[in-house]
């Protein structure tokens, strides 16, 4: 029973680590690129728009959707690693 509890704690610890990393990336992209580094990024253009504006309006949403797919893939690997997969 204790081994099962340790396994569950290790699984949860890795899951939280993934969440912290992925949400930090999203925060940096949405807040950093859209607000903090906006003036620097506005020197460049993407699709006819200033890059800082693009990140604030669309880029952070695209990054968030990509991070969702990355999280799904990481969790599938984690499930298999700890024996929680559905197969």
C-alpha atoms as a PDB file:
ATOM      1  CA  UNK A   1       0.000   0.000   0.000  1.00  0.00           C
ATOM      2  CA  UNK A   2       2.814   2.368   0.843  1.00  0.00           C
ATOM      3  CA  UNK A   3       4.440   1.819  -2.557  1.00  0.00           C
ATOM      4  CA  UNK A   4       1.158   2.772  -4.244  1.00  0.00           C
ATOM      5  CA  UNK A   5       0.987   5.999  -2.191  1.00  0.00           C
ATOM      6  CA  UNK A   6       4.593   6.871  -3.053  1.00  0.00           C
ATOM      7  CA  UNK A   7       3.851   6.188  -6.700  1.00  0.00           C
ATOM      8  CA  UNK A   8       0.819   8.487  -6.577  1.00  0.00           C
ATOM      9  CA  UNK A   9       2.822  11.251  -4.856  1.00  0.00           C
ATOM     10  CA  UNK A  10       5.605  11.023  -7.447  1.00  0.00           C
ATOM     11  CA  UNK A  11       3.000  11.144 -10.235  1.00  0.00           C
ATOM     12  CA  UNK A  12       1.354  14.218  -8.730  1.00  0.00           C
ATOM     13  CA  UNK A  13       4.728  15.913  -8.143  1.00  0.00           C
ATOM     14  CA  UNK A  14       5.664  15.512 -11.818  1.00  0.00           C
ATOM     15  CA  UNK A  15       2.221  16.657 -12.916  1.00  0.00           C
ATOM     16  CA  UNK A  16       2.489  19.854 -10.849  1.00  0.00           C
ATOM     17  CA  UNK A  17       6.001  20.458 -12.200  1.00  0.00           C
ATOM     18  CA  UNK A  18       4.665  20.244 -15.761  1.00  0.00           C
ATOM     19  CA  UNK A  19       1.826  22.630 -14.901  1.00  0.00           C
ATOM     20  CA  UNK A  20       4.176  25.179 -13.340  1.00  0.00           C
ATOM     21  CA  UNK A  21       6.528  25.090 -16.328  1.00  0.00           C
ATOM     22  CA  UNK A  22       3.777  25.324 -18.956  1.00  0.00           C
ATOM     23  CA  UNK A  23       1.829  28.047 -17.160  1.00  0.00           C
ATOM     24  CA  UNK A  24       5.059  30.000 -16.647  1.00  0.00           C
ATOM     25  CA  UNK A  25       5.693  29.856 -20.387  1.00  0.00           C
ATOM     26  CA  UNK A  26       2.170  31.073 -21.069  1.00  0.00           C
ATOM     27  CA  UNK A  27       2.537  33.868 -18.502  1.00  0.00           C
ATOM     28  CA  UNK A  28       5.819  35.006 -20.050  1.00  0.00           C
ATOM     29  CA  UNK A  29       4.333  34.991 -23.529  1.00  0.00           C
ATOM     30  CA  UNK A  30       1.058  36.691 -22.637  1.00  0.00           C
ATOM     31  CA  UNK A  31       2.257  39.153 -19.992  1.00  0.00           C
ATOM     32  CA  UNK A  32       5.897  39.493 -21.033  1.00  0.00           C
ATOM     33  CA  UNK A  33       5.523  39.715 -24.797  1.00  0.00           C
ATOM     34  CA  UNK A  34       2.188  41.530 -24.722  1.00  0.00           C
ATOM     35  CA  UNK A  35       2.958  44.080 -21.998  1.00  0.00           C
ATOM     36  CA  UNK A  36       6.525  44.171 -20.650  1.00  0.00           C
ATOM     37  CA  UNK A  37       8.475  43.683 -23.899  1.00  0.00           C
ATOM     38  CA  UNK A  38       5.797  45.255 -26.099  1.00  0.00           C
ATOM     39  CA  UNK A  39       7.844  48.314 -27.060  1.00  0.00           C
ATOM     40  CA  UNK A  40      10.854  46.241 -28.096  1.00  0.00           C
ATOM     41  CA  UNK A  41       8.731  43.720 -30.003  1.00  0.00           C
ATOM     42  CA  UNK A  42       6.816  46.465 -31.799  1.00  0.00           C
ATOM     43  CA  UNK A  43       9.959  47.137 -33.839  1.00  0.00           C
ATOM     44  CA  UNK A  44       9.139  43.945 -35.743  1.00  0.00           C
ATOM     45  CA  UNK A  45       6.063  43.080 -37.749  1.00  0.00           C
ATOM     46  CA  UNK A  46       4.124  39.853 -38.199  1.00  0.00           C
ATOM     47  CA  UNK A  47       1.303  39.642 -40.709  1.00  0.00           C
ATOM     48  CA  UNK A  48       1.286  43.434 -41.062  1.00  0.00           C
ATOM     49  CA  UNK A  49       0.896  44.042 -37.326  1.00  0.00           C
ATOM     50  CA  UNK A  50       3.436  45.111 -34.740  1.00  0.00           C
ATOM     51  CA  UNK A  51       4.746  41.993 -32.993  1.00  0.00           C
ATOM     52  CA  UNK A  52       3.965  43.210 -29.450  1.00  0.00           C
ATOM     53  CA  UNK A  53       0.375  43.911 -30.470  1.00  0.00           C
ATOM     54  CA  UNK A  54       0.147  40.553 -32.233  1.00  0.00           C
ATOM     55  CA  UNK A  55       1.266  38.684 -29.102  1.00  0.00           C
ATOM     56  CA  UNK A  56      -1.171  40.639 -26.941  1.00  0.00           C
ATOM     57  CA  UNK A  57      -4.104  39.982 -29.257  1.00  0.00           C
ATOM     58  CA  UNK A  58      -3.476  36.578 -30.836  1.00  0.00           C
ATOM     59  CA  UNK A  59      -0.061  35.152 -30.076  1.00  0.00           C
ATOM     60  CA  UNK A  60      -0.721  34.325 -26.442  1.00  0.00           C
ATOM     61  CA  UNK A  61      -3.893  32.468 -27.414  1.00  0.00           C
ATOM     62  CA  UNK A  62      -2.007  30.412 -30.014  1.00  0.00           C
ATOM     63  CA  UNK A  63       0.717  29.624 -27.493  1.00  0.00           C
ATOM     64  CA  UNK A  64      -1.921  28.576 -24.937  1.00  0.00           C
ATOM     65  CA  UNK A  65      -3.546  26.171 -27.414  1.00  0.00           C
ATOM     66  CA  UNK A  66      -0.149  24.705 -28.307  1.00  0.00           C
ATOM     67  CA  UNK A  67       0.638  24.300 -24.602  1.00  0.00           C
ATOM     68  CA  UNK A  68      -2.610  22.368 -24.139  1.00  0.00           C
ATOM     69  CA  UNK A  69      -1.479  19.841 -26.751  1.00  0.00           C
ATOM     70  CA  UNK A  70       1.989  19.682 -25.155  1.00  0.00           C
ATOM     71  CA  UNK A  71       0.373  19.052 -21.755  1.00  0.00           C
ATOM     72  CA  UNK A  72      -1.795  16.254 -23.170  1.00  0.00           C
ATOM     73  CA  UNK A  73       1.248  14.583 -24.672  1.00  0.00           C
ATOM     74  CA  UNK A  74       3.274  14.955 -21.463  1.00  0.00           C
ATOM     75  CA  UNK A  75       0.425  13.566 -19.379  1.00  0.00           C
ATOM     76  CA  UNK A  76      -0.018  10.568 -21.686  1.00  0.00           C
ATOM     77  CA  UNK A  77       3.668   9.762 -21.231  1.00  0.00           C
ATOM     78  CA  UNK A  78       3.382  10.320 -17.483  1.00  0.00           C
ATOM     79  CA  UNK A  79       0.323   8.056 -17.269  1.00  0.00           C
ATOM     80  CA  UNK A  80       2.217   5.273 -19.016  1.00  0.00           C
ATOM     81  CA  UNK A  81       5.269   5.812 -16.833  1.00  0.00           C
ATOM     82  CA  UNK A  82       3.260   5.363 -13.621  1.00  0.00           C
ATOM     83  CA  UNK A  83       0.809   2.760 -14.914  1.00  0.00           C
ATOM     84  CA  UNK A  84      -2.276   4.985 -15.081  1.00  0.00           C
ATOM     85  CA  UNK A  85      -2.809   4.661 -18.818  1.00  0.00           C
ATOM     86  CA  UNK A  86      -6.107   3.327 -20.121  1.00  0.00           C
ATOM     87  CA  UNK A  87      -4.602   0.710 -22.420  1.00  0.00           C
END
